Amino acid sequence: MILTKEFVFNLSHLLPNETGDSSKMHGHTYRLHVSIEGEVKESGMVLDFNELNRTVKATLKKLDYNHLNKIIENPTTENMAIWLWDALIKDLLLSEIKLWESPYCSVTYTGKPSLEEIKIED
């Protein structure tokens, strides 16, 4: 079973490797979908939504209404998703996270290694 909860938070950032408007400080209202996977327990739940809420909000408290460049050197949405995954995987059995930078742009991260990280033995 996959359980998903949505969270909303705000922050500012700038992208130091860009030359256009993104290189200037700007803000976003992000939407984050956190999905966990597990078996339905005797309680009838995979995980109580209140527990999921507490865990994720403790991490988002570090980001909400903050300047992200203080936390992540190159705060692209992709790098934010990896940072969030690394922070949440310690306490949750994550299936995937989906981070929306705007109503039309999002990234999905499953924690799977990229092709560069996969070593193929001869």
N, C-alpha and C. Protein backbone atom coordinates (compact mmCIF):
# COMPACT_ATOMS: atom_id res chain seq x y z
N MET A 1 0.87 -1.17 0.00
CA MET A 1 0.00 0.00 0.00
C MET A 1 0.91 1.22 0.00
N ILE A 2 0.54 2.25 -0.75
CA ILE A 2 1.28 3.51 -0.78
C ILE A 2 0.38 4.60 -0.23
N LEU A 3 0.88 5.29 0.77
CA LEU A 3 0.15 6.36 1.45
C LEU A 3 0.83 7.68 1.09
N THR A 4 0.06 8.70 0.71
CA THR A 4 0.62 9.99 0.29
C THR A 4 -0.05 11.13 1.02
N LYS A 5 0.76 12.10 1.43
CA LYS A 5 0.25 13.32 2.07
C LYS A 5 0.93 14.50 1.41
N GLU A 6 0.16 15.59 1.26
CA GLU A 6 0.68 16.80 0.63
C GLU A 6 1.01 17.85 1.69
N PHE A 7 2.09 18.58 1.45
CA PHE A 7 2.53 19.66 2.32
C PHE A 7 2.82 20.89 1.46
N VAL A 8 2.66 22.07 2.04
CA VAL A 8 2.92 23.33 1.33
C VAL A 8 3.87 24.15 2.17
N PHE A 9 4.88 24.74 1.52
CA PHE A 9 5.82 25.61 2.24
C PHE A 9 6.36 26.66 1.28
N ASN A 10 6.92 27.72 1.83
CA ASN A 10 7.41 28.86 1.06
C ASN A 10 8.88 29.09 1.36
N LEU A 11 9.61 29.50 0.34
CA LEU A 11 11.00 29.89 0.56
C LEU A 11 11.51 30.70 -0.61
N SER A 12 12.66 31.31 -0.39
CA SER A 12 13.33 32.04 -1.45
C SER A 12 14.62 31.31 -1.80
N HIS A 13 15.09 31.56 -3.01
CA HIS A 13 16.38 31.03 -3.44
C HIS A 13 16.82 31.75 -4.69
N LEU A 14 18.04 31.49 -5.09
CA LEU A 14 18.56 31.91 -6.39
C LEU A 14 19.43 30.78 -6.88
N LEU A 15 19.56 30.67 -8.17
CA LEU A 15 20.33 29.58 -8.77
C LEU A 15 21.65 30.15 -9.28
N PRO A 16 22.75 29.88 -8.56
CA PRO A 16 24.03 30.50 -8.89
C PRO A 16 24.61 30.07 -10.22
N ASN A 17 24.18 28.95 -10.78
CA ASN A 17 24.73 28.45 -12.05
C ASN A 17 23.90 28.91 -13.25
N GLU A 18 22.89 29.74 -13.03
CA GLU A 18 22.04 30.23 -14.10
C GLU A 18 22.41 31.68 -14.42
N THR A 19 22.02 32.15 -15.61
CA THR A 19 22.29 33.53 -15.99
C THR A 19 21.01 34.35 -16.18
N GLY A 20 19.87 33.72 -16.25
CA GLY A 20 18.60 34.41 -16.47
C GLY A 20 17.97 34.88 -15.17
N ASP A 21 16.64 35.00 -15.19
CA ASP A 21 15.90 35.47 -14.02
C ASP A 21 16.10 34.59 -12.79
N SER A 22 16.35 33.31 -12.99
CA SER A 22 16.53 32.40 -11.86
C SER A 22 17.80 32.69 -11.06
N SER A 23 18.72 33.47 -11.66
CA SER A 23 19.94 33.82 -10.94
C SER A 23 19.69 34.93 -9.92
N LYS A 24 18.50 35.55 -9.98
CA LYS A 24 18.13 36.60 -9.02
C LYS A 24 17.31 35.96 -7.90
N MET A 25 17.38 36.55 -6.71
CA MET A 25 16.59 36.00 -5.61
C MET A 25 15.11 36.09 -5.96
N HIS A 26 14.41 34.98 -5.72
CA HIS A 26 12.98 34.91 -5.97
C HIS A 26 12.38 33.86 -5.04
N GLY A 27 11.09 33.82 -4.97
CA GLY A 27 10.43 32.89 -4.06
C GLY A 27 9.46 31.97 -4.77
N HIS A 28 9.11 30.90 -4.07
CA HIS A 28 8.14 29.93 -4.56
C HIS A 28 7.28 29.46 -3.40
N THR A 29 6.07 29.07 -3.74
CA THR A 29 5.25 28.30 -2.82
C THR A 29 5.31 26.87 -3.34
N TYR A 30 6.02 26.02 -2.62
CA TYR A 30 6.23 24.64 -3.03
C TYR A 30 5.11 23.74 -2.50
N ARG A 31 4.80 22.70 -3.27
CA ARG A 31 3.94 21.61 -2.82
C ARG A 31 4.79 20.35 -2.80
N LEU A 32 4.70 19.61 -1.72
CA LEU A 32 5.47 18.40 -1.57
C LEU A 32 4.52 17.23 -1.31
N HIS A 33 4.61 16.21 -2.15
CA HIS A 33 3.88 14.97 -1.92
C HIS A 33 4.87 13.96 -1.36
N VAL A 34 4.61 13.48 -0.16
CA VAL A 34 5.46 12.46 0.45
C VAL A 34 4.67 11.15 0.44
N SER A 35 5.24 10.14 -0.20
CA SER A 35 4.60 8.84 -0.30
C SER A 35 5.44 7.81 0.44
N ILE A 36 4.78 7.05 1.30
CA ILE A 36 5.46 5.96 2.00
C ILE A 36 4.78 4.65 1.61
N GLU A 37 5.54 3.58 1.72
CA GLU A 37 5.03 2.27 1.33
C GLU A 37 5.11 1.32 2.51
N GLY A 38 4.10 0.52 2.68
CA GLY A 38 4.12 -0.46 3.75
C GLY A 38 2.88 -1.33 3.75
N GLU A 39 2.89 -2.27 4.64
CA GLU A 39 1.76 -3.16 4.82
C GLU A 39 0.75 -2.51 5.77
N VAL A 40 -0.51 -2.83 5.56
CA VAL A 40 -1.55 -2.36 6.47
C VAL A 40 -1.42 -3.16 7.76
N LYS A 41 -1.28 -2.43 8.87
CA LYS A 41 -1.08 -3.07 10.18
C LYS A 41 -2.44 -3.41 10.80
N GLU A 42 -2.40 -4.03 11.99
CA GLU A 42 -3.62 -4.39 12.70
C GLU A 42 -4.52 -3.19 12.94
N SER A 43 -3.91 -2.02 13.05
CA SER A 43 -4.67 -0.79 13.27
C SER A 43 -5.53 -0.42 12.06
N GLY A 44 -5.25 -1.07 10.92
CA GLY A 44 -5.96 -0.75 9.69
C GLY A 44 -5.24 0.32 8.89
N MET A 45 -4.06 0.77 9.37
CA MET A 45 -3.32 1.83 8.71
C MET A 45 -1.89 1.37 8.39
N VAL A 46 -1.32 1.97 7.37
CA VAL A 46 0.11 1.81 7.10
C VAL A 46 0.87 2.65 8.13
N LEU A 47 0.42 3.89 8.30
CA LEU A 47 0.99 4.84 9.25
C LEU A 47 -0.07 5.88 9.54
N ASP A 48 -0.19 6.30 10.76
CA ASP A 48 -1.13 7.34 11.13
C ASP A 48 -0.73 8.64 10.42
N PHE A 49 -1.67 9.28 9.74
CA PHE A 49 -1.38 10.53 9.04
C PHE A 49 -0.81 11.58 9.99
N ASN A 50 -1.23 11.57 11.26
CA ASN A 50 -0.69 12.54 12.22
C ASN A 50 0.80 12.34 12.45
N GLU A 51 1.24 11.09 12.50
CA GLU A 51 2.66 10.80 12.67
C GLU A 51 3.45 11.24 11.43
N LEU A 52 2.92 10.95 10.26
CA LEU A 52 3.55 11.40 9.02
C LEU A 52 3.65 12.92 9.00
N ASN A 53 2.57 13.58 9.39
CA ASN A 53 2.52 15.03 9.43
C ASN A 53 3.62 15.59 10.36
N ARG A 54 3.72 15.06 11.56
CA ARG A 54 4.73 15.54 12.52
C ARG A 54 6.15 15.36 11.98
N THR A 55 6.43 14.21 11.41
CA THR A 55 7.77 13.91 10.91
C THR A 55 8.16 14.85 9.77
N VAL A 56 7.28 15.01 8.80
CA VAL A 56 7.60 15.85 7.64
C VAL A 56 7.67 17.32 8.05
N LYS A 57 6.75 17.78 8.87
CA LYS A 57 6.76 19.18 9.28
C LYS A 57 8.01 19.55 10.08
N ALA A 58 8.57 18.61 10.82
CA ALA A 58 9.81 18.88 11.55
C ALA A 58 10.94 19.19 10.57
N THR A 59 10.97 18.50 9.43
CA THR A 59 11.98 18.78 8.40
C THR A 59 11.66 20.07 7.66
N LEU A 60 10.40 20.27 7.30
CA LEU A 60 10.02 21.48 6.55
C LEU A 60 10.20 22.75 7.37
N LYS A 61 10.19 22.63 8.68
CA LYS A 61 10.40 23.80 9.55
C LYS A 61 11.75 24.45 9.27
N LYS A 62 12.73 23.65 8.83
CA LYS A 62 14.05 24.17 8.49
C LYS A 62 14.03 24.98 7.19
N LEU A 63 13.04 24.73 6.34
CA LEU A 63 12.97 25.37 5.03
C LEU A 63 11.96 26.50 4.95
N ASP A 64 10.81 26.33 5.57
CA ASP A 64 9.69 27.25 5.39
C ASP A 64 10.08 28.68 5.77
N TYR A 65 9.81 29.61 4.86
CA TYR A 65 10.11 31.03 5.03
C TYR A 65 11.59 31.26 5.33
N ASN A 66 12.43 30.53 4.62
CA ASN A 66 13.87 30.66 4.77
C ASN A 66 14.46 30.93 3.39
N HIS A 67 15.74 31.27 3.37
CA HIS A 67 16.47 31.44 2.11
C HIS A 67 17.26 30.15 1.89
N LEU A 68 16.88 29.39 0.89
CA LEU A 68 17.37 28.04 0.70
C LEU A 68 18.87 27.98 0.42
N ASN A 69 19.44 29.03 -0.15
CA ASN A 69 20.87 29.01 -0.45
C ASN A 69 21.72 28.88 0.82
N LYS A 70 21.14 29.18 1.99
CA LYS A 70 21.86 28.98 3.25
C LYS A 70 22.01 27.50 3.57
N ILE A 71 21.14 26.67 2.97
CA ILE A 71 21.08 25.25 3.30
C ILE A 71 21.65 24.38 2.18
N ILE A 72 21.29 24.71 0.94
CA ILE A 72 21.73 23.95 -0.23
C ILE A 72 22.46 24.92 -1.17
N GLU A 73 23.69 24.58 -1.53
CA GLU A 73 24.52 25.48 -2.33
C GLU A 73 23.89 25.82 -3.68
N ASN A 74 23.40 24.81 -4.38
CA ASN A 74 22.77 25.01 -5.69
C ASN A 74 21.33 24.49 -5.59
N PRO A 75 20.42 25.32 -5.07
CA PRO A 75 19.08 24.83 -4.70
C PRO A 75 18.09 24.71 -5.86
N THR A 76 18.44 23.86 -6.82
CA THR A 76 17.48 23.53 -7.87
C THR A 76 16.40 22.66 -7.26
N THR A 77 15.30 22.51 -7.95
CA THR A 77 14.23 21.65 -7.45
C THR A 77 14.72 20.22 -7.32
N GLU A 78 15.55 19.80 -8.26
CA GLU A 78 16.10 18.45 -8.21
C GLU A 78 16.96 18.25 -6.95
N ASN A 79 17.84 19.21 -6.67
CA ASN A 79 18.69 19.10 -5.48
C ASN A 79 17.88 19.19 -4.20
N MET A 80 16.81 19.99 -4.22
CA MET A 80 15.92 20.06 -3.06
C MET A 80 15.26 18.71 -2.81
N ALA A 81 14.83 18.04 -3.87
CA ALA A 81 14.17 16.74 -3.72
C ALA A 81 15.14 15.73 -3.11
N ILE A 82 16.38 15.74 -3.54
CA ILE A 82 17.38 14.83 -2.96
C ILE A 82 17.61 15.16 -1.49
N TRP A 83 17.72 16.45 -1.17
CA TRP A 83 17.92 16.88 0.22
C TRP A 83 16.75 16.43 1.10
N LEU A 84 15.53 16.63 0.60
CA LEU A 84 14.35 16.22 1.35
C LEU A 84 14.32 14.71 1.55
N TRP A 85 14.63 13.97 0.50
CA TRP A 85 14.66 12.51 0.60
C TRP A 85 15.65 12.08 1.69
N ASP A 86 16.85 12.63 1.62
CA ASP A 86 17.89 12.25 2.59
C ASP A 86 17.47 12.59 4.02
N ALA A 87 16.74 13.69 4.20
CA ALA A 87 16.29 14.08 5.53
C ALA A 87 15.15 13.19 6.03
N LEU A 88 14.25 12.79 5.14
CA LEU A 88 13.06 12.04 5.54
C LEU A 88 13.26 10.53 5.60
N ILE A 89 14.18 10.00 4.81
CA ILE A 89 14.35 8.55 4.73
C ILE A 89 14.82 7.97 6.07
N LYS A 90 15.39 8.79 6.92
CA LYS A 90 15.86 8.34 8.24
C LYS A 90 14.69 7.88 9.11
N ASP A 91 13.51 8.49 8.91
CA ASP A 91 12.36 8.22 9.78
C ASP A 91 11.17 7.60 9.07
N LEU A 92 11.19 7.57 7.76
CA LEU A 92 10.02 7.09 7.00
C LEU A 92 10.44 6.09 5.94
N LEU A 93 9.58 5.13 5.66
CA LEU A 93 9.80 4.16 4.60
C LEU A 93 9.28 4.78 3.30
N LEU A 94 10.08 5.65 2.70
CA LEU A 94 9.64 6.42 1.54
C LEU A 94 9.50 5.55 0.30
N SER A 95 8.48 5.85 -0.47
CA SER A 95 8.29 5.25 -1.78
C SER A 95 8.75 6.25 -2.85
N GLU A 96 8.29 7.50 -2.70
CA GLU A 96 8.73 8.59 -3.58
C GLU A 96 8.33 9.90 -2.95
N ILE A 97 9.01 10.95 -3.41
CA ILE A 97 8.57 12.31 -3.09
C ILE A 97 8.41 13.06 -4.41
N LYS A 98 7.43 13.91 -4.45
CA LYS A 98 7.18 14.74 -5.63
C LYS A 98 7.15 16.18 -5.15
N LEU A 99 8.02 17.00 -5.71
CA LEU A 99 8.16 18.39 -5.30
C LEU A 99 7.73 19.30 -6.45
N TRP A 100 6.69 20.10 -6.18
CA TRP A 100 6.16 21.03 -7.17
C TRP A 100 6.74 22.42 -6.89
N GLU A 101 7.48 22.98 -7.85
CA GLU A 101 8.01 24.34 -7.73
C GLU A 101 6.95 25.37 -8.12
N SER A 102 6.08 24.97 -9.01
CA SER A 102 4.99 25.83 -9.47
C SER A 102 3.83 24.89 -9.81
N PRO A 103 2.67 25.44 -10.13
CA PRO A 103 1.55 24.55 -10.48
C PRO A 103 1.82 23.65 -11.69
N TYR A 104 2.85 23.99 -12.49
CA TYR A 104 3.09 23.27 -13.74
C TYR A 104 4.43 22.56 -13.81
N CYS A 105 5.27 22.70 -12.77
CA CYS A 105 6.62 22.14 -12.81
C CYS A 105 6.91 21.35 -11.54
N SER A 106 7.30 20.09 -11.71
CA SER A 106 7.61 19.26 -10.55
C SER A 106 8.72 18.28 -10.88
N VAL A 107 9.31 17.73 -9.83
CA VAL A 107 10.25 16.62 -9.97
C VAL A 107 9.77 15.50 -9.05
N THR A 108 10.03 14.28 -9.47
CA THR A 108 9.72 13.11 -8.66
C THR A 108 11.02 12.39 -8.38
N TYR A 109 11.23 12.03 -7.11
CA TYR A 109 12.46 11.35 -6.72
C TYR A 109 12.11 10.09 -5.95
N THR A 110 12.76 8.99 -6.32
CA THR A 110 12.50 7.71 -5.68
C THR A 110 13.71 7.18 -4.93
N GLY A 111 14.78 7.97 -4.89
CA GLY A 111 15.97 7.53 -4.19
C GLY A 111 16.79 6.50 -4.93
N LYS A 112 16.36 6.15 -6.13
CA LYS A 112 17.11 5.18 -6.92
C LYS A 112 18.36 5.85 -7.46
N PRO A 113 19.45 5.10 -7.59
CA PRO A 113 20.69 5.71 -8.08
C PRO A 113 20.56 6.13 -9.54
N SER A 114 21.29 7.17 -9.88
CA SER A 114 21.31 7.62 -11.27
C SER A 114 22.20 6.68 -12.07
N LEU A 115 22.16 6.79 -13.39
CA LEU A 115 22.98 5.93 -14.24
C LEU A 115 24.46 6.11 -13.95
N GLU A 116 24.89 7.33 -13.57
CA GLU A 116 26.29 7.59 -13.26
C GLU A 116 26.72 6.84 -12.01
N GLU A 117 25.78 6.59 -11.09
CA GLU A 117 26.11 5.93 -9.83
C GLU A 117 26.11 4.42 -9.95
N ILE A 118 25.55 3.89 -11.01
CA ILE A 118 25.49 2.43 -11.19
C ILE A 118 26.78 1.99 -11.85
N LYS A 119 27.51 1.13 -11.19
CA LYS A 119 28.77 0.62 -11.74
C LYS A 119 28.52 -0.73 -12.36
N ILE A 120 28.94 -0.88 -13.59
CA ILE A 120 28.76 -2.14 -14.30
C ILE A 120 30.12 -2.83 -14.34
N GLU A 121 30.15 -4.05 -13.82
CA GLU A 121 31.40 -4.81 -13.83
C GLU A 121 31.52 -5.56 -15.14
N ASP A 122 32.74 -5.59 -15.66
CA ASP A 122 33.02 -6.33 -16.89
C ASP A 122 33.09 -7.81 -16.65
